[in-house]
C-alpha atoms as a PDB file:
ATOM      1  CA  MET A   1     -44.128  11.898 100.197  1.00  0.00           C
ATOM      2  CA  LYS A   2     -44.090  15.681 100.638  1.00  0.00           C
ATOM      3  CA  ILE A   3     -47.044  17.477  99.084  1.00  0.00           C
ATOM      4  CA  LEU A   4     -47.820  21.190  99.179  1.00  0.00           C
ATOM      5  CA  PHE A   5     -50.953  23.143  98.239  1.00  0.00           C
ATOM      6  CA  LEU A   6     -50.443  26.735  97.105  1.00  0.00           C
ATOM      7  CA  LEU A   7     -53.243  29.259  97.695  1.00  0.00           C
ATOM      8  CA  ALA A   8     -53.663  32.963  97.041  1.00  0.00           C
ATOM      9  CA  PRO A   9     -54.803  35.369  99.785  1.00  0.00           C
ATOM     10  CA  SER A  10     -58.536  35.964 100.043  1.00  0.00           C
ATOM     11  CA  GLU A  11     -58.657  39.256 101.914  1.00  0.00           C
ATOM     12  CA  TRP A  12     -61.560  40.529 103.992  1.00  0.00           C
ATOM     13  CA  LYS A  13     -62.180  43.069 106.736  1.00  0.00           C
ATOM     14  CA  ASN A  14     -62.720  41.544 110.155  1.00  0.00           C
ATOM     15  CA  GLU A  15     -62.391  42.241 113.872  1.00  0.00           C
ATOM     16  CA  TRP A  16     -59.694  39.695 114.650  1.00  0.00           C
ATOM     17  CA  TRP A  17     -56.859  42.189 115.096  1.00  0.00           C
ATOM     18  CA  ASN A  18     -56.090  41.263 118.701  1.00  0.00           C
ATOM     19  CA  LEU A  19     -52.425  40.240 118.623  1.00  0.00           C
ATOM     20  CA  LYS A  20     -49.423  42.494 119.080  1.00  0.00           C
ATOM     21  CA  LYS A  21     -46.415  40.810 117.489  1.00  0.00           C
ATOM     22  CA  GLU A  22     -45.698  39.467 114.034  1.00  0.00           C
ATOM     23  CA  ARG A  23     -44.682  35.790 113.835  1.00  0.00           C
ATOM     24  CA  LEU A  24     -43.571  34.361 110.495  1.00  0.00           C
ATOM     25  CA  SER A  25     -42.280  31.044 109.216  1.00  0.00           C
ATOM     26  CA  PHE A  26     -40.178  32.645 106.465  1.00  0.00           C
ATOM     27  CA  SER A  27     -37.971  35.717 106.736  1.00  0.00           C
ATOM     28  CA  PHE A  28     -38.536  37.413 103.375  1.00  0.00           C
ATOM     29  CA  GLU A  29     -37.798  41.091 102.987  1.00  0.00           C
ATOM     30  CA  LYS A  30     -41.096  42.947 102.568  1.00  0.00           C
ATOM     31  CA  PRO A  31     -41.859  45.379  99.707  1.00  0.00           C
ATOM     32  CA  LEU A  32     -42.652  48.209 102.134  1.00  0.00           C
ATOM     33  CA  ASP A  33     -41.569  51.014  99.797  1.00  0.00           C
ATOM     34  CA  ILE A  34     -43.818  49.627  97.059  1.00  0.00           C
ATOM     35  CA  SER A  35     -46.761  49.257  99.442  1.00  0.00           C
ATOM     36  CA  LYS A  36     -46.441  52.857 100.679  1.00  0.00           C
ATOM     37  CA  ASN A  37     -46.434  54.336  97.175  1.00  0.00           C
ATOM     38  CA  VAL A  38     -49.425  52.576  95.659  1.00  0.00           C
ATOM     39  CA  SER A  39     -51.791  54.252  93.206  1.00  0.00           C
ATOM     40  CA  GLU A  40     -55.568  53.974  92.825  1.00  0.00           C
ATOM     41  CA  LYS A  41     -54.904  51.645  89.913  1.00  0.00           C
ATOM     42  CA  ASP A  42     -52.751  49.436  92.153  1.00  0.00           C
ATOM     43  CA  LEU A  43     -55.328  49.190  94.948  1.00  0.00           C
ATOM     44  CA  LYS A  44     -58.263  48.927  92.510  1.00  0.00           C
ATOM     45  CA  CYS A  45     -60.317  51.421  94.499  1.00  0.00           C
ATOM     46  CA  LYS A  46     -60.903  55.166  94.879  1.00  0.00           C
ATOM     47  CA  TRP A  47     -61.676  57.882  97.400  1.00  0.00           C
ATOM     48  CA  GLU A  48     -62.180  56.694 100.987  1.00  0.00           C
ATOM     49  CA  ARG A  49     -61.309  53.068 100.264  1.00  0.00           C
ATOM     50  CA  PHE A  50     -58.101  54.120  98.533  1.00  0.00           C
ATOM     51  CA  GLU A  51     -57.115  56.422 101.405  1.00  0.00           C
ATOM     52  CA  GLU A  52     -57.834  53.641 103.878  1.00  0.00           C
ATOM     53  CA  GLY A  53     -55.481  51.301 101.996  1.00  0.00           C
ATOM     54  CA  VAL A  54     -52.720  53.925 101.849  1.00  0.00           C
ATOM     55  CA  ILE A  55     -52.997  54.546 105.600  1.00  0.00           C
ATOM     56  CA  LEU A  56     -52.877  50.820 106.329  1.00  0.00           C
ATOM     57  CA  ASN A  57     -49.677  50.393 104.333  1.00  0.00           C
ATOM     58  CA  LYS A  58     -47.962  53.469 105.759  1.00  0.00           C
ATOM     59  CA  ASN A  59     -48.704  52.402 109.348  1.00  0.00           C
ATOM     60  CA  ILE A  60     -48.197  48.691 108.884  1.00  0.00           C
ATOM     61  CA  LEU A  61     -45.286  48.418 111.332  1.00  0.00           C
ATOM     62  CA  ASN A  62     -47.438  49.937 114.075  1.00  0.00           C
ATOM     63  CA  SER A  63     -50.634  47.998 113.395  1.00  0.00           C
ATOM     64  CA  GLU A  64     -52.027  45.067 115.309  1.00  0.00           C
ATOM     65  CA  THR A  65     -51.631  41.589 113.909  1.00  0.00           C
ATOM     66  CA  THR A  66     -53.689  38.434 113.491  1.00  0.00           C
ATOM     67  CA  TYR A  67     -53.356  34.889 112.172  1.00  0.00           C
ATOM     68  CA  ALA A  68     -53.186  34.644 108.392  1.00  0.00           C
ATOM     69  CA  ILE A  69     -56.208  32.321 108.419  1.00  0.00           C
ATOM     70  CA  ASN A  70     -58.203  35.177 110.000  1.00  0.00           C
ATOM     71  CA  ARG A  71     -56.822  37.906 107.733  1.00  0.00           C
ATOM     72  CA  TYR A  72     -57.463  35.895 104.573  1.00  0.00           C
ATOM     73  CA  SER A  73     -61.038  35.030 105.460  1.00  0.00           C
ATOM     74  CA  TRP A  74     -63.049  35.695 102.316  1.00  0.00           C
ATOM     75  CA  VAL A  75     -64.373  33.390  99.552  1.00  0.00           C
ATOM     76  CA  VAL A  76     -61.669  30.708  99.352  1.00  0.00           C
ATOM     77  CA  PHE A  77     -61.174  30.446 103.091  1.00  0.00           C
ATOM     78  CA  ASN A  78     -64.883  30.527 103.860  1.00  0.00           C
ATOM     79  CA  ALA A  79     -65.178  27.437 101.675  1.00  0.00           C
ATOM     80  CA  ILE A  80     -62.200  25.816 103.403  1.00  0.00           C
ATOM     81  CA  ASP A  81     -64.140  26.326 106.670  1.00  0.00           C
ATOM     82  CA  TYR A  82     -61.083  26.021 108.918  1.00  0.00           C
ATOM     83  CA  SER A  83     -62.881  26.903 112.164  1.00  0.00           C
ATOM     84  CA  TRP A  84     -65.141  23.854 111.833  1.00  0.00           C
ATOM     85  CA  MET A  85     -62.391  21.377 110.969  1.00  0.00           C
ATOM     86  CA  SER A  86     -61.488  18.614 113.375  1.00  0.00           C
ATOM     87  CA  ASP A  87     -58.023  18.756 114.950  1.00  0.00           C
ATOM     88  CA  ALA A  88     -56.768  16.167 112.462  1.00  0.00           C
ATOM     89  CA  TRP A  89     -58.055  18.181 109.493  1.00  0.00           C
ATOM     90  CA  LYS A  90     -56.506  21.361 110.861  1.00  0.00           C
ATOM     91  CA  ASP A  91     -53.191  19.596 111.323  1.00  0.00           C
ATOM     92  CA  PHE A  92     -53.171  18.508 107.682  1.00  0.00           C
ATOM     93  CA  PHE A  93     -54.123  22.008 106.545  1.00  0.00           C
ATOM     94  CA  ILE A  94     -51.481  23.939 108.468  1.00  0.00           C
ATOM     95  CA  ASN A  95     -48.738  21.464 107.517  1.00  0.00           C
ATOM     96  CA  ASN A  96     -49.509  21.158 103.801  1.00  0.00           C
ATOM     97  CA  VAL A  97     -50.694  24.642 102.738  1.00  0.00           C
ATOM     98  CA  LEU A  98     -48.789  27.823 101.955  1.00  0.00           C
ATOM     99  CA  ILE A  99     -50.346  31.157 100.983  1.00  0.00           C
ATOM    100  CA  VAL A 100     -48.563  33.216  98.317  1.00  0.00           C
ATOM    101  CA  SER A 101     -48.674  36.846  99.466  1.00  0.00           C
ATOM    102  CA  GLY A 102     -47.636  40.038  97.712  1.00  0.00           C
ATOM    103  CA  MET A 103     -46.480  41.438 101.066  1.00  0.00           C
ATOM    104  CA  TYR A 104     -45.043  38.358 102.761  1.00  0.00           C
ATOM    105  CA  GLY A 105     -43.965  36.027  99.953  1.00  0.00           C
ATOM    106  CA  LEU A 106     -44.983  32.729 101.552  1.00  0.00           C
ATOM    107  CA  VAL A 107     -47.202  32.484 104.617  1.00  0.00           C
ATOM    108  CA  LYS A 108     -48.364  29.522 106.686  1.00  0.00           C
ATOM    109  CA  PRO A 109     -52.015  29.611 107.835  1.00  0.00           C
ATOM    110  CA  LEU A 110     -51.088  30.227 111.479  1.00  0.00           C
ATOM    111  CA  ASP A 111     -48.392  32.802 110.843  1.00  0.00           C
ATOM    112  CA  VAL A 112     -49.208  36.109 112.552  1.00  0.00           C
ATOM    113  CA  ILE A 113     -49.284  39.004 110.083  1.00  0.00           C
ATOM    114  CA  TRP A 114     -50.008  42.733 109.858  1.00  0.00           C
ATOM    115  CA  ASN A 115     -52.984  44.366 108.228  1.00  0.00           C
ATOM    116  CA  TYR A 116     -52.278  45.778 104.758  1.00  0.00           C
ATOM    117  CA  LYS A 117     -53.707  46.213 101.262  1.00  0.00           C
ATOM    118  CA  LEU A 118     -51.461  45.150  98.384  1.00  0.00           C
ATOM    119  CA  PRO A 119     -52.999  43.473  95.314  1.00  0.00           C
ATOM    120  CA  ILE A 120     -50.654  41.206  93.419  1.00  0.00           C
ATOM    121  CA  GLU A 121     -50.892  43.349  90.272  1.00  0.00           C
ATOM    122  CA  THR A 122     -49.327  46.345  92.069  1.00  0.00           C
ATOM    123  CA  LYS A 123     -46.619  47.949  89.930  1.00  0.00           C
ATOM    124  CA  TRP A 124     -43.070  46.649  90.578  1.00  0.00           C
ATOM    125  CA  LEU A 125     -44.295  43.814  92.809  1.00  0.00           C
ATOM    126  CA  TYR A 126     -43.500  41.015  90.356  1.00  0.00           C
ATOM    127  CA  SER A 127     -39.971  42.263  89.850  1.00  0.00           C
ATOM    128  CA  PHE A 128     -39.508  42.576  93.630  1.00  0.00           C
ATOM    129  CA  TRP A 129     -40.376  38.911  94.197  1.00  0.00           C
ATOM    130  CA  TRP A 130     -38.572  37.589  91.125  1.00  0.00           C
ATOM    131  CA  ASP A 131     -37.005  34.210  92.032  1.00  0.00           C
ATOM    132  CA  LYS A 132     -37.241  34.808  95.811  1.00  0.00           C
ATOM    133  CA  ILE A 133     -40.325  32.645  96.283  1.00  0.00           C
ATOM    134  CA  LEU A 134     -39.103  30.191  93.661  1.00  0.00           C
ATOM    135  CA  ASP A 135     -35.807  29.699  95.497  1.00  0.00           C
ATOM    136  CA  LYS A 136     -37.610  29.056  98.785  1.00  0.00           C
ATOM    137  CA  LEU A 137     -39.980  26.506  97.226  1.00  0.00           C
ATOM    138  CA  ASN A 138     -37.026  24.647  95.734  1.00  0.00           C
ATOM    139  CA  GLU A 139     -35.263  24.777  99.084  1.00  0.00           C
ATOM    140  CA  LEU A 140     -38.321  23.233 100.781  1.00  0.00           C
ATOM    141  CA  ASN A 141     -37.999  20.364  98.294  1.00  0.00           C
ATOM    142  CA  TYR A 142     -41.577  19.127  98.006  1.00  0.00           C
ATOM    143  CA  ASP A 143     -42.251  16.085  95.829  1.00  0.00           C
ATOM    144  CA  TYR A 144     -45.498  17.569  94.508  1.00  0.00           C
ATOM    145  CA  ILE A 145     -46.944  21.066  94.517  1.00  0.00           C
ATOM    146  CA  VAL A 146     -50.687  21.388  93.883  1.00  0.00           C
ATOM    147  CA  ASN A 147     -51.365  24.683  92.146  1.00  0.00           C
ATOM    148  CA  LEU A 148     -54.573  26.374  93.324  1.00  0.00           C
ATOM    149  CA  LEU A 149     -53.381  29.843  92.337  1.00  0.00           C
ATOM    150  CA  PRO A 150     -54.856  32.368  89.893  1.00  0.00           C
ATOM    151  CA  ASN A 151     -52.642  33.048  86.884  1.00  0.00           C
ATOM    152  CA  SER A 152     -51.665  36.462  88.257  1.00  0.00           C
ATOM    153  CA  TYR A 153     -49.933  34.812  91.233  1.00  0.00           C
ATOM    154  CA  LEU A 154     -48.060  32.326  89.086  1.00  0.00           C
ATOM    155  CA  LYS A 155     -45.989  35.221  87.765  1.00  0.00           C
ATOM    156  CA  MET A 156     -44.410  35.496  91.244  1.00  0.00           C
ATOM    157  CA  ILE A 157     -43.288  31.882  91.178  1.00  0.00           C
ATOM    158  CA  ASN A 158     -42.084  30.991  87.670  1.00  0.00           C
ATOM    159  CA  PRO A 159     -43.403  27.375  87.736  1.00  0.00           C
ATOM    160  CA  LYS A 160     -41.101  26.253  84.918  1.00  0.00           C
ATOM    161  CA  LYS A 161     -38.139  26.574  87.295  1.00  0.00           C
ATOM    162  CA  ILE A 162     -39.709  24.712  90.222  1.00  0.00           C
ATOM    163  CA  ASN A 163     -38.017  21.374  90.845  1.00  0.00           C
ATOM    164  CA  SER A 164     -41.152  19.725  92.250  1.00  0.00           C
ATOM    165  CA  LYS A 165     -43.794  18.129  90.040  1.00  0.00           C
ATOM    166  CA  ILE A 166     -46.607  20.627  89.501  1.00  0.00           C
ATOM    167  CA  ILE A 167     -50.237  19.516  89.638  1.00  0.00           C
ATOM    168  CA  ASN A 168     -52.594  22.100  88.118  1.00  0.00           C
ATOM    169  CA  ILE A 169     -56.220  21.859  89.229  1.00  0.00           C
ATOM    170  CA  ASN A 170     -58.622  23.252  86.618  1.00  0.00           C
ATOM    171  CA  PHE A 171     -62.305  23.656  87.457  1.00  0.00           C
ATOM    172  CA  LEU A 172     -64.456  23.395  84.349  1.00  0.00           C
ATOM    173  CA  THR A 173     -68.048  24.217  83.574  1.00  0.00           C
ATOM    174  CA  GLU A 174     -70.414  23.970  80.622  1.00  0.00           C
ATOM    175  CA  LYS A 175     -71.204  27.210  78.791  1.00  0.00           C
ATOM    176  CA  ASP A 176     -73.038  27.475  75.481  1.00  0.00           C
ATOM    177  CA  TRP A 177     -72.677  23.680  75.105  1.00  0.00           C
ATOM    178  CA  LYS A 178     -68.913  23.911  75.492  1.00  0.00           C
ATOM    179  CA  ILE A 179     -66.639  22.859  78.355  1.00  0.00           C
ATOM    180  CA  VAL A 180     -64.630  25.892  79.508  1.00  0.00           C
ATOM    181  CA  LYS A 181     -62.534  26.890  82.505  1.00  0.00           C
ATOM    182  CA  MET A 182     -64.615  28.267  85.345  1.00  0.00           C
ATOM    183  CA  SER A 183     -64.109  31.891  86.344  1.00  0.00           C
ATOM    184  CA  HIS A 184     -66.966  33.222  88.495  1.00  0.00           C
ATOM    185  CA  TRP A 185     -67.173  30.465  91.140  1.00  0.00           C
ATOM    186  CA  VAL A 186     -63.629  29.125  90.921  1.00  0.00           C
ATOM    187  CA  LYS A 187     -62.495  30.606  94.279  1.00  0.00           C
ATOM    188  CA  LYS A 188     -65.291  28.827  96.104  1.00  0.00           C
ATOM    189  CA  TYR A 189     -64.497  25.495  94.450  1.00  0.00           C
ATOM    190  CA  ARG A 190     -60.795  25.792  95.239  1.00  0.00           C
ATOM    191  CA  GLY A 191     -61.701  26.130  98.903  1.00  0.00           C
ATOM    192  CA  GLU A 192     -64.153  23.230  98.841  1.00  0.00           C
ATOM    193  CA  PHE A 193     -61.598  21.081  97.029  1.00  0.00           C
ATOM    194  CA  LEU A 194     -58.987  21.703  99.725  1.00  0.00           C
ATOM    195  CA  ASN A 195     -61.532  21.163 102.508  1.00  0.00           C
ATOM    196  CA  ASN A 196     -62.233  17.722 101.043  1.00  0.00           C
ATOM    197  CA  ILE A 197     -58.519  16.936 100.933  1.00  0.00           C
ATOM    198  CA  CYS A 198     -58.099  17.860 104.598  1.00  0.00           C
ATOM    199  CA  GLU A 199     -61.236  15.971 105.635  1.00  0.00           C
ATOM    200  CA  ASN A 200     -59.937  12.755 104.076  1.00  0.00           C
ATOM    201  CA  ASN A 201     -56.274  13.336 105.047  1.00  0.00           C
ATOM    202  CA  LEU A 202     -55.241  12.560 101.491  1.00  0.00           C
ATOM    203  CA  ILE A 203     -51.482  12.548 101.814  1.00  0.00           C
ATOM    204  CA  ASP A 204     -51.118   9.576  99.498  1.00  0.00           C
ATOM    205  CA  TYR A 205     -53.218  11.294  96.863  1.00  0.00           C
ATOM    206  CA  LYS A 206     -52.094   9.003  94.034  1.00  0.00           C
ATOM    207  CA  ASN A 207     -54.205   6.198  95.465  1.00  0.00           C
ATOM    208  CA  TYR A 208     -57.278   8.406  95.816  1.00  0.00           C
ATOM    209  CA  TRP A 209     -57.531  11.104  93.156  1.00  0.00           C
ATOM    210  CA  TRP A 210     -55.701  10.002  90.056  1.00  0.00           C
ATOM    211  CA  GLU A 211     -52.850   8.035  88.628  1.00  0.00           C
ATOM    212  CA  VAL A 212     -49.805  10.214  88.044  1.00  0.00           C
ATOM    213  CA  ILE A 213     -47.626   9.673  85.002  1.00  0.00           C
ATOM    214  CA  GLU A 214     -44.274   9.760  86.746  1.00  0.00           C
ATOM    215  CA  ASN A 215     -42.190  11.069  83.873  1.00  0.00           C
ATOM    216  CA  GLU A 216     -44.322  14.186  83.369  1.00  0.00           C
ATOM    217  CA  LYS A 217     -43.265  17.470  84.914  1.00  0.00           C
ATOM    218  CA  ASN A 218     -46.673  19.193  84.837  1.00  0.00           C
ATOM    219  CA  ILE A 219     -49.941  17.366  85.383  1.00  0.00           C
ATOM    220  CA  ASP A 220     -53.360  18.871  84.648  1.00  0.00           C
ATOM    221  CA  ILE A 221     -56.380  17.626  86.553  1.00  0.00           C
ATOM    222  CA  ASN A 222     -59.689  18.823  85.134  1.00  0.00           C
ATOM    223  CA  ILE A 223     -62.730  18.810  87.424  1.00  0.00           C
ATOM    224  CA  LEU A 224     -66.141  19.436  85.835  1.00  0.00           C
ATOM    225  CA  LYS A 225     -68.610  21.286  88.053  1.00  0.00           C
END
């Protein structure tokens, strides 16, 4: 059984830029023209932070590189806690996880990438990636894809056209005596959820998490926190 977990980037500044050459698992064309012509609205910041992002994107081909797991090191990946995983956990993680990136399309955790700033809502980015990521996911031919993506990233994928069965993980909480989808802490729980999967090496997830109704295309799993 082939199972894939899809994550969004969780970007953070760090000092891990110590490699010199990009190394990627997938050879997507990059939206370099889009990244070099971003607006303050695109980057969601102003003044010095905006200028910093513009400079990063304009000099991306001359920047140093680092592993994706180091570049995407904020909330989700802190909760995944990759650096403290055993070798077996790390093996499961790097072989069953792909990161959906506005710059790179699909990235494996140990791919070596440039530094950049390109939020997924950047103008023209959805149209640039239209069907490119979808086609690659269908080519990879996974039996199941576990969706741990925010809704904004799903627009890059078009889940209705994916051939694999889609498993949507929804984290719920109680608010005003009602059960609602979690928003504030959901990134943290996505990371902890995946850490637990890696820790238990849950490849045959049907015997551990839930019973899957085989004739359903999309499956929703609701987890109350």
